[in-house]
C-alpha atoms as a PDB file:
ATOM      1  CA  MET A   1      -8.890  18.597  33.109  1.00  0.00           C
ATOM      2  CA  LEU A   2      -6.834  16.114  35.107  1.00  0.00           C
ATOM      3  CA  THR A   3      -3.091  16.649  35.050  1.00  0.00           C
ATOM      4  CA  ASN A   4      -2.040  14.345  37.903  1.00  0.00           C
ATOM      5  CA  ILE A   5      -0.488  10.930  37.556  1.00  0.00           C
ATOM      6  CA  CYS A   6      -3.537   8.672  37.480  1.00  0.00           C
ATOM      7  CA  GLU A   7      -4.228   5.137  38.561  1.00  0.00           C
ATOM      8  CA  ILE A   8      -7.424   3.261  37.830  1.00  0.00           C
ATOM      9  CA  GLU A   9      -9.181   2.158  41.000  1.00  0.00           C
ATOM     10  CA  LYS A  10     -12.215   0.688  39.281  1.00  0.00           C
ATOM     11  CA  VAL A  11     -13.703   0.245  35.826  1.00  0.00           C
ATOM     12  CA  VAL A  12     -17.448   0.547  35.233  1.00  0.00           C
ATOM     13  CA  GLU A  13     -18.955  -0.381  31.886  1.00  0.00           C
ATOM     14  CA  LEU A  14     -22.338   1.097  30.980  1.00  0.00           C
ATOM     15  CA  THR A  15     -24.656   0.579  28.048  1.00  0.00           C
ATOM     16  CA  ASP A  16     -24.174   3.032  25.215  1.00  0.00           C
ATOM     17  CA  GLU A  17     -27.356   4.865  26.225  1.00  0.00           C
ATOM     18  CA  GLU A  18     -26.288   5.048  29.883  1.00  0.00           C
ATOM     19  CA  TYR A  19     -22.829   6.256  28.874  1.00  0.00           C
ATOM     20  CA  GLU A  20     -24.247   9.043  26.719  1.00  0.00           C
ATOM     21  CA  ARG A  21     -26.543  10.140  29.536  1.00  0.00           C
ATOM     22  CA  PHE A  22     -23.659  10.054  32.021  1.00  0.00           C
ATOM     23  CA  SER A  23     -21.267  11.969  29.762  1.00  0.00           C
ATOM     24  CA  GLN A  24     -23.847  14.699  29.161  1.00  0.00           C
ATOM     25  CA  ASN A  25     -24.573  15.159  32.891  1.00  0.00           C
ATOM     26  CA  LEU A  26     -21.181  15.012  34.576  1.00  0.00           C
ATOM     27  CA  THR A  27     -21.984  17.754  37.079  1.00  0.00           C
ATOM     28  CA  VAL A  28     -25.292  16.199  38.099  1.00  0.00           C
ATOM     29  CA  SER A  29     -25.591  13.988  41.178  1.00  0.00           C
ATOM     30  CA  SER A  30     -25.217  10.343  40.220  1.00  0.00           C
ATOM     31  CA  GLU A  31     -26.019   7.141  42.075  1.00  0.00           C
ATOM     32  CA  LEU A  32     -23.059   5.568  40.321  1.00  0.00           C
ATOM     33  CA  LEU A  33     -20.669   8.080  41.869  1.00  0.00           C
ATOM     34  CA  SER A  34     -22.309   8.439  45.253  1.00  0.00           C
ATOM     35  CA  GLN A  35     -21.622   4.796  46.164  1.00  0.00           C
ATOM     36  CA  GLU A  36     -17.848   5.193  46.556  1.00  0.00           C
ATOM     37  CA  SER A  37     -17.331   8.939  46.300  1.00  0.00           C
ATOM     38  CA  GLU A  38     -14.557   8.951  48.922  1.00  0.00           C
ATOM     39  CA  ARG A  39     -12.543   6.452  46.925  1.00  0.00           C
ATOM     40  CA  TYR A  40     -11.889   8.610  43.874  1.00  0.00           C
ATOM     41  CA  ARG A  41      -9.640  11.402  44.997  1.00  0.00           C
ATOM     42  CA  VAL A  42      -6.004  12.551  44.909  1.00  0.00           C
ATOM     43  CA  ASP A  43      -4.047  10.712  47.592  1.00  0.00           C
ATOM     44  CA  GLU A  44      -1.264  11.983  49.824  1.00  0.00           C
ATOM     45  CA  HIS A  45       1.311  11.202  47.130  1.00  0.00           C
ATOM     46  CA  GLY A  46      -0.443  13.318  44.531  1.00  0.00           C
ATOM     47  CA  VAL A  47      -1.747  10.297  42.588  1.00  0.00           C
ATOM     48  CA  ALA A  48      -5.282  10.633  41.263  1.00  0.00           C
ATOM     49  CA  ARG A  49      -7.248   7.488  42.177  1.00  0.00           C
ATOM     50  CA  CYS A  50      -9.799   7.419  39.373  1.00  0.00           C
ATOM     51  CA  LEU A  51     -12.938   5.659  38.295  1.00  0.00           C
ATOM     52  CA  LEU A  52     -12.938   4.749  34.608  1.00  0.00           C
ATOM     53  CA  VAL A  53     -16.386   4.851  33.025  1.00  0.00           C
ATOM     54  CA  MET A  54     -16.731   3.078  29.683  1.00  0.00           C
ATOM     55  CA  ALA A  55     -19.469   1.949  27.296  1.00  0.00           C
ATOM     56  CA  GLU A  56     -20.062  -1.332  25.535  1.00  0.00           C
ATOM     57  CA  GLY A  57     -18.457  -1.350  22.099  1.00  0.00           C
ATOM     58  CA  ARG A  58     -16.520   1.889  22.601  1.00  0.00           C
ATOM     59  CA  GLN A  59     -12.771   2.277  22.772  1.00  0.00           C
ATOM     60  CA  ASP A  60     -12.616   5.487  24.788  1.00  0.00           C
ATOM     61  CA  GLY A  61     -13.725   6.266  28.308  1.00  0.00           C
ATOM     62  CA  ILE A  62     -14.011   8.960  30.962  1.00  0.00           C
ATOM     63  CA  LEU A  63     -11.701   9.235  33.963  1.00  0.00           C
ATOM     64  CA  VAL A  64     -13.516  10.591  37.012  1.00  0.00           C
ATOM     65  CA  LEU A  65     -12.444  12.098  40.342  1.00  0.00           C
ATOM     66  CA  THR A  66     -15.260  12.790  42.799  1.00  0.00           C
ATOM     67  CA  GLU A  67     -13.227  14.142  45.746  1.00  0.00           C
ATOM     68  CA  GLY A  68     -16.020  12.971  48.054  1.00  0.00           C
ATOM     69  CA  TYR A  69     -18.879  14.448  46.019  1.00  0.00           C
ATOM     70  CA  ASP A  70     -21.670  12.499  44.323  1.00  0.00           C
ATOM     71  CA  TYR A  71     -20.898  13.975  40.902  1.00  0.00           C
ATOM     72  CA  ALA A  72     -17.878  14.072  38.610  1.00  0.00           C
ATOM     73  CA  ARG A  73     -15.897  16.933  40.134  1.00  0.00           C
ATOM     74  CA  HIS A  74     -12.912  16.410  37.790  1.00  0.00           C
ATOM     75  CA  THR A  75     -12.932  14.465  34.516  1.00  0.00           C
ATOM     76  CA  ALA A  76     -10.723  13.648  31.541  1.00  0.00           C
ATOM     77  CA  HIS A  77     -11.558  12.006  28.245  1.00  0.00           C
ATOM     78  CA  LEU A  78      -9.358   8.940  27.723  1.00  0.00           C
ATOM     79  CA  PRO A  79      -8.894   7.802  24.108  1.00  0.00           C
ATOM     80  CA  ASN A  80      -8.020   4.133  23.455  1.00  0.00           C
ATOM     81  CA  ALA A  81      -8.989   3.197  27.001  1.00  0.00           C
ATOM     82  CA  ARG A  82      -9.550  -0.461  26.123  1.00  0.00           C
ATOM     83  CA  GLN A  83      -6.125  -0.738  24.580  1.00  0.00           C
ATOM     84  CA  PHE A  84      -4.527   0.646  27.718  1.00  0.00           C
ATOM     85  CA  LEU A  85      -6.479  -1.796  29.872  1.00  0.00           C
ATOM     86  CA  LYS A  86      -5.433  -4.760  27.724  1.00  0.00           C
ATOM     87  CA  MET A  87      -1.816  -3.695  28.131  1.00  0.00           C
ATOM     88  CA  GLU A  88      -2.380  -3.538  31.916  1.00  0.00           C
ATOM     89  CA  GLN A  89      -0.838  -0.134  32.105  1.00  0.00           C
ATOM     90  CA  PHE A  90      -1.448   2.515  34.691  1.00  0.00           C
ATOM     91  CA  PHE A  91      -2.456   5.810  33.217  1.00  0.00           C
ATOM     92  CA  ARG A  92      -0.038   8.683  33.320  1.00  0.00           C
ATOM     93  CA  LEU A  93      -2.470  11.253  32.070  1.00  0.00           C
ATOM     94  CA  ALA A  94      -0.122  14.154  32.688  1.00  0.00           C
ATOM     95  CA  GLU A  95       2.327  12.648  30.210  1.00  0.00           C
ATOM     96  CA  PHE A  96      -0.424  12.113  27.665  1.00  0.00           C
ATOM     97  CA  VAL A  97      -1.702  15.672  28.035  1.00  0.00           C
ATOM     98  CA  ASP A  98       1.817  17.098  27.844  1.00  0.00           C
ATOM     99  CA  ARG A  99       2.464  15.114  24.691  1.00  0.00           C
ATOM    100  CA  MET A 100      -0.747  16.310  23.056  1.00  0.00           C
ATOM    101  CA  HIS A 101       0.047  19.910  24.046  1.00  0.00           C
ATOM    102  CA  SER A 102       3.541  19.558  22.572  1.00  0.00           C
ATOM    103  CA  LEU A 103       2.163  18.229  19.282  1.00  0.00           C
ATOM    104  CA  THR A 104      -0.422  21.021  19.183  1.00  0.00           C
ATOM    105  CA  ASN A 105       2.174  23.711  19.892  1.00  0.00           C
ATOM    106  CA  GLN A 106       4.465  22.421  17.133  1.00  0.00           C
ATOM    107  CA  PHE A 107       1.576  22.248  14.675  1.00  0.00           C
ATOM    108  CA  VAL A 108       0.631  25.876  15.371  1.00  0.00           C
ATOM    109  CA  VAL A 109       4.261  26.992  14.926  1.00  0.00           C
ATOM    110  CA  ASP A 110       4.438  25.107  11.610  1.00  0.00           C
ATOM    111  CA  ALA A 111       1.068  26.471  10.478  1.00  0.00           C
ATOM    112  CA  ILE A 112       2.166  30.071  11.017  1.00  0.00           C
ATOM    113  CA  ASP A 113       5.565  29.464   9.412  1.00  0.00           C
ATOM    114  CA  ARG A 114       4.388  27.392   6.420  1.00  0.00           C
ATOM    115  CA  GLN A 115       1.019  29.010   5.799  1.00  0.00           C
ATOM    116  CA  VAL A 116      -0.222  30.025   2.398  1.00  0.00           C
ATOM    117  CA  GLU A 117      -2.058  33.265   3.013  1.00  0.00           C
ATOM    118  CA  GLY A 118      -3.523  32.075   6.280  1.00  0.00           C
ATOM    119  CA  GLU A 119      -4.191  28.463   5.316  1.00  0.00           C
ATOM    120  CA  TYR A 120      -2.279  25.323   6.224  1.00  0.00           C
ATOM    121  CA  LYS A 121      -2.991  21.676   5.478  1.00  0.00           C
ATOM    122  CA  ILE A 122      -1.066  18.550   6.427  1.00  0.00           C
ATOM    123  CA  SER A 123      -1.499  14.816   6.787  1.00  0.00           C
ATOM    124  CA  LEU A 124      -1.711  13.565  10.370  1.00  0.00           C
ATOM    125  CA  ALA A 125       0.517  10.583   9.540  1.00  0.00           C
ATOM    126  CA  PRO A 126       3.831  12.271  10.476  1.00  0.00           C
ATOM    127  CA  ILE A 127       2.257  13.560  13.693  1.00  0.00           C
ATOM    128  CA  ARG A 128       1.001  10.097  14.616  1.00  0.00           C
ATOM    129  CA  ASN A 129       4.489   8.724  13.952  1.00  0.00           C
ATOM    130  CA  LYS A 130       5.872  10.929  16.719  1.00  0.00           C
ATOM    131  CA  VAL A 131       3.986   9.020  19.423  1.00  0.00           C
ATOM    132  CA  VAL A 132       4.143   5.403  20.530  1.00  0.00           C
ATOM    133  CA  ASN A 133       1.512   2.812  21.414  1.00  0.00           C
ATOM    134  CA  ASP A 134      -1.074   4.705  19.335  1.00  0.00           C
ATOM    135  CA  SER A 135      -1.495   7.134  22.230  1.00  0.00           C
ATOM    136  CA  PHE A 136      -2.736   9.905  19.955  1.00  0.00           C
ATOM    137  CA  SER A 137      -6.292  11.184  19.747  1.00  0.00           C
ATOM    138  CA  ALA A 138      -7.258  12.953  16.525  1.00  0.00           C
ATOM    139  CA  SER A 139     -10.495  14.227  18.042  1.00  0.00           C
ATOM    140  CA  LEU A 140      -8.693  15.676  21.070  1.00  0.00           C
ATOM    141  CA  PHE A 141      -6.067  17.162  18.761  1.00  0.00           C
ATOM    142  CA  MET A 142      -8.799  18.944  16.788  1.00  0.00           C
ATOM    143  CA  GLU A 143     -10.358  20.253  19.979  1.00  0.00           C
ATOM    144  CA  MET A 144      -7.031  21.551  21.236  1.00  0.00           C
ATOM    145  CA  LEU A 145      -6.364  23.282  17.907  1.00  0.00           C
ATOM    146  CA  SER A 146      -9.810  24.866  17.888  1.00  0.00           C
ATOM    147  CA  GLU A 147      -9.104  26.376  21.306  1.00  0.00           C
ATOM    148  CA  ARG A 148      -5.880  28.050  20.174  1.00  0.00           C
ATOM    149  CA  PRO A 149      -6.204  31.818  19.605  1.00  0.00           C
ATOM    150  CA  GLU A 150      -3.939  31.576  16.541  1.00  0.00           C
ATOM    151  CA  ILE A 151      -6.431  29.279  14.789  1.00  0.00           C
ATOM    152  CA  ALA A 152      -9.740  30.567  13.386  1.00  0.00           C
ATOM    153  CA  GLU A 153     -11.073  27.372  11.789  1.00  0.00           C
ATOM    154  CA  VAL A 154     -10.190  23.683  11.907  1.00  0.00           C
ATOM    155  CA  ASP A 155     -11.313  20.988   9.482  1.00  0.00           C
ATOM    156  CA  TYR A 156     -10.489  17.295   9.720  1.00  0.00           C
ATOM    157  CA  ASP A 157     -10.811  15.084   6.646  1.00  0.00           C
ATOM    158  CA  TYR A 158     -11.428  11.620   8.121  1.00  0.00           C
ATOM    159  CA  GLU A 159     -11.152   9.847   4.773  1.00  0.00           C
ATOM    160  CA  ASN A 160      -7.687  11.203   3.986  1.00  0.00           C
ATOM    161  CA  ASP A 161      -6.593  11.735   7.608  1.00  0.00           C
ATOM    162  CA  THR A 162      -5.629  15.355   6.936  1.00  0.00           C
ATOM    163  CA  VAL A 163      -6.179  18.492   8.966  1.00  0.00           C
ATOM    164  CA  SER A 164      -6.682  21.965   7.480  1.00  0.00           C
ATOM    165  CA  VAL A 165      -6.654  25.186   9.459  1.00  0.00           C
ATOM    166  CA  ALA A 166      -7.345  28.832   8.764  1.00  0.00           C
ATOM    167  CA  LEU A 167      -5.269  31.207  10.859  1.00  0.00           C
ATOM    168  CA  ALA A 168      -6.656  34.139  12.808  1.00  0.00           C
ATOM    169  CA  ASP A 169      -6.383  37.448  10.953  1.00  0.00           C
ATOM    170  CA  GLU A 170      -3.444  38.760  12.990  1.00  0.00           C
ATOM    171  CA  HIS A 171      -1.281  35.786  11.952  1.00  0.00           C
ATOM    172  CA  ILE A 172      -2.007  35.807   8.216  1.00  0.00           C
ATOM    173  CA  ARG A 173       0.855  36.675   5.859  1.00  0.00           C
ATOM    174  CA  PHE A 174       0.078  37.841   2.341  1.00  0.00           C
ATOM    175  CA  THR A 175       2.584  37.888  -0.498  1.00  0.00           C
ATOM    176  CA  ASP A 176       3.180  41.148  -2.317  1.00  0.00           C
ATOM    177  CA  GLU A 177       0.678  41.539  -5.168  1.00  0.00           C
ATOM    178  CA  SER A 178       1.403  45.169  -5.980  1.00  0.00           C
ATOM    179  CA  GLY A 179       1.485  45.828  -9.709  1.00  0.00           C
ATOM    180  CA  MET A 180      -0.194  42.517 -10.523  1.00  0.00           C
ATOM    181  CA  ARG A 181      -3.378  42.152 -12.560  1.00  0.00           C
ATOM    182  CA  TYR A 182      -6.355  40.460 -10.919  1.00  0.00           C
ATOM    183  CA  LEU A 183      -8.248  38.220 -13.322  1.00  0.00           C
ATOM    184  CA  THR A 184     -11.970  37.602 -13.149  1.00  0.00           C
ATOM    185  CA  GLU A 185     -13.690  34.445 -14.313  1.00  0.00           C
ATOM    186  CA  GLN A 186     -14.802  36.305 -17.431  1.00  0.00           C
ATOM    187  CA  ASP A 187     -11.225  37.438 -18.143  1.00  0.00           C
ATOM    188  CA  ILE A 188     -10.050  33.838 -18.014  1.00  0.00           C
ATOM    189  CA  GLU A 189     -12.887  32.569 -20.225  1.00  0.00           C
ATOM    190  CA  VAL A 190     -12.025  35.096 -22.913  1.00  0.00           C
ATOM    191  CA  MET A 191      -8.282  34.419 -22.725  1.00  0.00           C
ATOM    192  CA  CYS A 192      -8.773  30.659 -22.873  1.00  0.00           C
ATOM    193  CA  ALA A 193     -11.152  30.923 -25.844  1.00  0.00           C
ATOM    194  CA  LYS A 194      -8.665  33.029 -27.782  1.00  0.00           C
ATOM    195  CA  HIS A 195      -5.881  30.644 -26.798  1.00  0.00           C
ATOM    196  CA  ILE A 196      -7.701  27.640 -28.289  1.00  0.00           C
ATOM    197  CA  LEU A 197      -8.094  29.524 -31.568  1.00  0.00           C
ATOM    198  CA  TRP A 198      -4.383  30.394 -31.477  1.00  0.00           C
ATOM    199  CA  LEU A 199      -3.393  26.776 -30.830  1.00  0.00           C
ATOM    200  CA  ASN A 200      -5.414  25.714 -33.871  1.00  0.00           C
ATOM    201  CA  ASP A 201      -4.055  28.451 -36.173  1.00  0.00           C
ATOM    202  CA  GLU A 202      -7.486  30.024 -36.401  1.00  0.00           C
ATOM    203  CA  GLY A 203      -6.624  33.475 -35.181  1.00  0.00           C
ATOM    204  CA  GLY A 204      -7.017  34.347 -31.522  1.00  0.00           C
ATOM    205  CA  GLU A 205      -3.915  34.937 -29.414  1.00  0.00           C
ATOM    206  CA  GLN A 206      -1.598  33.082 -27.076  1.00  0.00           C
ATOM    207  CA  ALA A 207      -2.794  33.227 -23.463  1.00  0.00           C
ATOM    208  CA  ASP A 208      -0.425  35.396 -21.437  1.00  0.00           C
ATOM    209  CA  PHE A 209      -1.105  35.291 -17.692  1.00  0.00           C
ATOM    210  CA  SER A 210       2.227  36.891 -16.788  1.00  0.00           C
ATOM    211  CA  ASN A 211       2.143  38.756 -13.446  1.00  0.00           C
ATOM    212  CA  CYS A 212      -1.554  37.964 -13.025  1.00  0.00           C
ATOM    213  CA  VAL A 213      -3.359  36.831  -9.887  1.00  0.00           C
ATOM    214  CA  ILE A 214      -5.622  33.815 -10.452  1.00  0.00           C
ATOM    215  CA  ARG A 215      -7.475  33.066  -7.231  1.00  0.00           C
ATOM    216  CA  GLY A 216     -10.274  30.605  -6.566  1.00  0.00           C
ATOM    217  CA  MET A 217     -10.788  29.678 -10.227  1.00  0.00           C
ATOM    218  CA  ASP A 218     -11.545  26.368 -11.930  1.00  0.00           C
ATOM    219  CA  LEU A 219      -9.112  25.588 -14.741  1.00  0.00           C
ATOM    220  CA  SER A 220      -9.757  21.850 -14.690  1.00  0.00           C
ATOM    221  CA  ARG A 221      -9.291  20.082 -18.025  1.00  0.00           C
ATOM    222  CA  ARG A 222      -8.318  23.358 -19.711  1.00  0.00           C
ATOM    223  CA  ASN A 223      -5.958  23.203 -22.662  1.00  0.00           C
ATOM    224  CA  LEU A 224      -3.273  25.670 -21.595  1.00  0.00           C
ATOM    225  CA  ASN A 225      -0.467  24.191 -23.658  1.00  0.00           C
ATOM    226  CA  GLN A 226       2.142  26.841 -24.522  1.00  0.00           C
ATOM    227  CA  ALA A 227       0.424  29.438 -22.306  1.00  0.00           C
ATOM    228  CA  ILE A 228       2.596  31.952 -20.433  1.00  0.00           C
ATOM    229  CA  PHE A 229       2.328  32.197 -16.628  1.00  0.00           C
ATOM    230  CA  ASP A 230       5.652  33.893 -15.819  1.00  0.00           C
ATOM    231  CA  GLY A 231       5.499  35.613 -12.422  1.00  0.00           C
ATOM    232  CA  ALA A 232       1.825  34.728 -11.974  1.00  0.00           C
ATOM    233  CA  LYS A 233       0.262  33.797  -8.666  1.00  0.00           C
ATOM    234  CA  ILE A 234      -2.250  30.941  -8.820  1.00  0.00           C
ATOM    235  CA  SER A 235      -3.946  30.205  -5.496  1.00  0.00           C
ATOM    236  CA  ASN A 236      -6.839  28.011  -4.334  1.00  0.00           C
ATOM    237  CA  THR A 237      -7.429  27.062  -7.959  1.00  0.00           C
ATOM    238  CA  GLN A 238      -8.548  23.801  -9.550  1.00  0.00           C
ATOM    239  CA  LEU A 239      -6.111  22.505 -12.179  1.00  0.00           C
ATOM    240  CA  TYR A 240      -7.332  18.933 -12.249  1.00  0.00           C
ATOM    241  CA  SER A 241      -6.355  17.180 -15.490  1.00  0.00           C
ATOM    242  CA  ALA A 242      -5.331  20.481 -17.103  1.00  0.00           C
ATOM    243  CA  GLU A 243      -2.736  20.595 -19.891  1.00  0.00           C
ATOM    244  CA  LEU A 244       0.335  22.828 -19.559  1.00  0.00           C
ATOM    245  CA  CYS A 245       2.727  21.220 -22.028  1.00  0.00           C
ATOM    246  CA  TYR A 246       5.392  23.652 -23.284  1.00  0.00           C
ATOM    247  CA  ALA A 247       3.937  26.294 -20.934  1.00  0.00           C
ATOM    248  CA  SER A 248       6.208  28.944 -19.445  1.00  0.00           C
ATOM    249  CA  CYS A 249       5.795  29.136 -15.661  1.00  0.00           C
ATOM    250  CA  VAL A 250       8.990  30.929 -14.680  1.00  0.00           C
ATOM    251  CA  GLY A 251       8.679  32.160 -11.103  1.00  0.00           C
ATOM    252  CA  THR A 252       5.010  31.155 -10.969  1.00  0.00           C
ATOM    253  CA  LYS A 253       3.497  30.591  -7.523  1.00  0.00           C
ATOM    254  CA  PHE A 254       1.093  27.664  -7.150  1.00  0.00           C
ATOM    255  CA  TYR A 255      -0.508  28.035  -3.715  1.00  0.00           C
ATOM    256  CA  ASN A 256      -3.071  25.571  -2.307  1.00  0.00           C
ATOM    257  CA  CYS A 257      -4.009  24.337  -5.759  1.00  0.00           C
ATOM    258  CA  TYR A 258      -5.606  21.021  -6.664  1.00  0.00           C
ATOM    259  CA  ALA A 259      -3.625  19.866  -9.698  1.00  0.00           C
ATOM    260  CA  THR A 260      -3.801  16.078  -9.746  1.00  0.00           C
ATOM    261  CA  ASP A 261      -3.527  14.379 -13.159  1.00  0.00           C
ATOM    262  CA  LEU A 262      -1.954  17.528 -14.593  1.00  0.00           C
ATOM    263  CA  THR A 263       0.020  17.090 -17.833  1.00  0.00           C
ATOM    264  CA  ALA A 264       2.892  19.554 -18.178  1.00  0.00           C
ATOM    265  CA  GLU A 265       5.537  17.952 -20.352  1.00  0.00           C
ATOM    266  CA  GLU A 266       8.454  20.066 -21.575  1.00  0.00           C
ATOM    267  CA  ALA A 267       7.258  23.031 -19.510  1.00  0.00           C
ATOM    268  CA  ASN A 268       9.450  25.631 -17.824  1.00  0.00           C
ATOM    269  CA  PHE A 269       8.985  25.850 -14.046  1.00  0.00           C
ATOM    270  CA  LYS A 270      12.291  27.573 -13.331  1.00  0.00           C
ATOM    271  CA  GLY A 271      12.095  29.331  -9.954  1.00  0.00           C
ATOM    272  CA  ALA A 272       8.447  28.303  -9.490  1.00  0.00           C
ATOM    273  CA  GLU A 273       6.940  27.714  -6.039  1.00  0.00           C
ATOM    274  CA  PHE A 274       4.543  24.884  -5.223  1.00  0.00           C
ATOM    275  CA  ILE A 275       3.116  25.370  -1.741  1.00  0.00           C
ATOM    276  CA  GLY A 276       0.385  23.178  -0.255  1.00  0.00           C
ATOM    277  CA  THR A 277      -0.487  21.920  -3.729  1.00  0.00           C
ATOM    278  CA  GLU A 278      -1.724  18.460  -4.703  1.00  0.00           C
ATOM    279  CA  LEU A 279       0.088  17.147  -7.779  1.00  0.00           C
ATOM    280  CA  GLY A 280      -0.569  13.421  -7.567  1.00  0.00           C
ATOM    281  CA  ARG A 281      -0.305  11.436 -10.811  1.00  0.00           C
ATOM    282  CA  SER A 282       0.858  14.504 -12.726  1.00  0.00           C
ATOM    283  CA  VAL A 283       3.320  14.247 -15.618  1.00  0.00           C
ATOM    284  CA  PHE A 284       6.232  16.706 -15.855  1.00  0.00           C
ATOM    285  CA  THR A 285       8.611  14.793 -18.130  1.00  0.00           C
ATOM    286  CA  HIS A 286      11.416  16.826 -19.731  1.00  0.00           C
ATOM    287  CA  SER A 287      10.492  19.956 -17.767  1.00  0.00           C
ATOM    288  CA  ASN A 288      12.786  22.528 -16.202  1.00  0.00           C
ATOM    289  CA  PHE A 289      12.546  22.789 -12.404  1.00  0.00           C
ATOM    290  CA  THR A 290      15.781  24.692 -11.845  1.00  0.00           C
ATOM    291  CA  ASP A 291      15.627  26.459  -8.464  1.00  0.00           C
ATOM    292  CA  ALA A 292      11.962  25.508  -8.036  1.00  0.00           C
ATOM    293  CA  ARG A 293      10.652  25.080  -4.489  1.00  0.00           C
ATOM    294  CA  PHE A 294       8.133  22.599  -3.064  1.00  0.00           C
ATOM    295  CA  ARG A 295       6.578  22.807   0.385  1.00  0.00           C
ATOM    296  CA  ASN A 296       3.907  20.560   1.911  1.00  0.00           C
ATOM    297  CA  CYS A 297       2.874  19.146  -1.470  1.00  0.00           C
ATOM    298  CA  GLU A 298       1.411  15.793  -2.506  1.00  0.00           C
ATOM    299  CA  VAL A 299       3.447  14.436  -5.422  1.00  0.00           C
ATOM    300  CA  TYR A 300       2.666  10.695  -5.312  1.00  0.00           C
ATOM    301  CA  SER A 301       3.005   8.836  -8.630  1.00  0.00           C
ATOM    302  CA  CYS A 302       4.307  11.936 -10.422  1.00  0.00           C
ATOM    303  CA  SER A 303       6.793  11.699 -13.266  1.00  0.00           C
ATOM    304  CA  LEU A 304       9.742  14.079 -13.549  1.00  0.00           C
ATOM    305  CA  ASP A 305      11.620  11.772 -15.897  1.00  0.00           C
ATOM    306  CA  GLY A 306      14.201  13.592 -17.979  1.00  0.00           C
ATOM    307  CA  SER A 307      13.690  16.879 -16.149  1.00  0.00           C
ATOM    308  CA  CYS A 308      16.239  19.383 -14.889  1.00  0.00           C
ATOM    309  CA  ILE A 309      16.293  19.607 -11.107  1.00  0.00           C
ATOM    310  CA  GLU A 310      19.342  21.776 -10.527  1.00  0.00           C
ATOM    311  CA  GLY A 311      18.828  23.556  -7.203  1.00  0.00           C
ATOM    312  CA  THR A 312      15.299  22.168  -6.824  1.00  0.00           C
ATOM    313  CA  ASP A 313      14.241  22.336  -3.177  1.00  0.00           C
ATOM    314  CA  PHE A 314      11.700  19.647  -2.278  1.00  0.00           C
ATOM    315  CA  GLY A 315      11.731  20.610   1.409  1.00  0.00           C
ATOM    316  CA  ASP A 316       9.310  18.458   3.403  1.00  0.00           C
ATOM    317  CA  THR A 317       7.615  17.066   0.293  1.00  0.00           C
ATOM    318  CA  ASP A 318       7.838  13.267   0.109  1.00  0.00           C
ATOM    319  CA  THR A 319       9.341  12.331  -3.276  1.00  0.00           C
ATOM    320  CA  SER A 320       9.681   8.607  -2.577  1.00  0.00           C
ATOM    321  CA  LEU A 321       6.930   7.787  -5.082  1.00  0.00           C
ATOM    322  CA  VAL A 322       8.102  10.223  -7.776  1.00  0.00           C
ATOM    323  CA  ARG A 323       9.710   8.878 -10.950  1.00  0.00           C
ATOM    324  CA  MET A 324      12.902  10.851 -11.555  1.00  0.00           C
ATOM    325  CA  ASN A 325      14.747   8.746 -14.104  1.00  0.00           C
ATOM    326  CA  ARG A 326      17.433  10.440 -16.193  1.00  0.00           C
ATOM    327  CA  CYS A 327      17.056  13.764 -14.387  1.00  0.00           C
ATOM    328  CA  THR A 328      19.819  16.329 -14.841  1.00  0.00           C
ATOM    329  CA  TYR A 329      21.374  18.476 -12.125  1.00  0.00           C
ATOM    330  CA  ASP A 330      22.996  20.980 -14.497  1.00  0.00           C
ATOM    331  CA  GLU A 331      20.732  23.364 -16.422  1.00  0.00           C
ATOM    332  CA  ASP A 332      23.333  24.141 -19.108  1.00  0.00           C
ATOM    333  CA  ILE A 333      23.807  20.459 -19.884  1.00  0.00           C
ATOM    334  CA  TRP A 334      20.048  19.866 -19.802  1.00  0.00           C
ATOM    335  CA  ASN A 335      19.390  22.771 -22.215  1.00  0.00           C
ATOM    336  CA  ALA A 336      22.071  21.464 -24.568  1.00  0.00           C
ATOM    337  CA  GLU A 337      20.485  18.021 -24.537  1.00  0.00           C
ATOM    338  CA  GLN A 338      17.019  19.453 -25.243  1.00  0.00           C
ATOM    339  CA  ASN A 339      18.343  21.524 -28.126  1.00  0.00           C
ATOM    340  CA  GLY A 340      20.423  18.718 -29.517  1.00  0.00           C
ATOM    341  CA  SER A 341      23.565  20.847 -29.208  1.00  0.00           C
ATOM    342  CA  PRO A 342      26.976  19.295 -28.591  1.00  0.00           C
ATOM    343  CA  ILE A 343      28.006  19.394 -24.950  1.00  0.00           C
ATOM    344  CA  THR A 344      31.370  21.008 -24.329  1.00  0.00           C
ATOM    345  CA  MET A 345      33.270  20.432 -21.120  1.00  0.00           C
END
């Protein structure tokens, strides 16, 4: 990879087919490169005098140094090459590479620090905002992440512009699950069936998931109103359009859950943790979030109207699109208001 300050000596534009053939055979002798092979080298000032090879209809290109050879002895992929040319800028590839390395290093540090049992997911928008002139390459960023020893897997969601990584085993942190009960799919089916009977005064029993581990389950559209989840750990679980009204979720951990369109009015989330969880369009009106913690969550179009948010830590979660009308910052006052008790000062 080139790391010198680069200047473009010449631009050659090939057909898409020619470009693909060229890019796949960089170390093979080429008539294109043999014509002026002495021209594309590092000069006495340390500046790389490069040939830029591009293709019709493509934005990127390949910087080439031949150093007197008839093949591409040194190369570098150049994202947004056309944009740079239109701006009539010389390429300072070392700065670009350093910037991409810096962004990659910071991402890896954040992934290890903010992981949820070895997994980390984030939108690329804040990373893009750290660079100017759109000089950021998502594809190169993914490649650089995939080459890091701390990262085992990388997945890029083009539609949502998000990147998800799985950390290598030696960097994974697990929360303490000693003394907790692990629930199977069958356990949950039975508990939910009994809970529905209980809700309808037809026998059964209230679902009590206290201190249970619910991992990789699908609770979408489940009626879990008034269920108890105190101290439970719910990870990698689908909660799409589920109902948790009046539920008790004191100290519950929601890790990497998909919980959009959740309805949890008048629920108790005191001391709960929401990490890497999607909660878009969910309704939490009149709920207790005292000392709750949010990290790397999606909470767009949520409603926390009338809720208690004393000591709530939203961290890096963007709450700009969250409705928080008439929220209370004092749990005692909030409890008194919910109970209709007179407030004494």
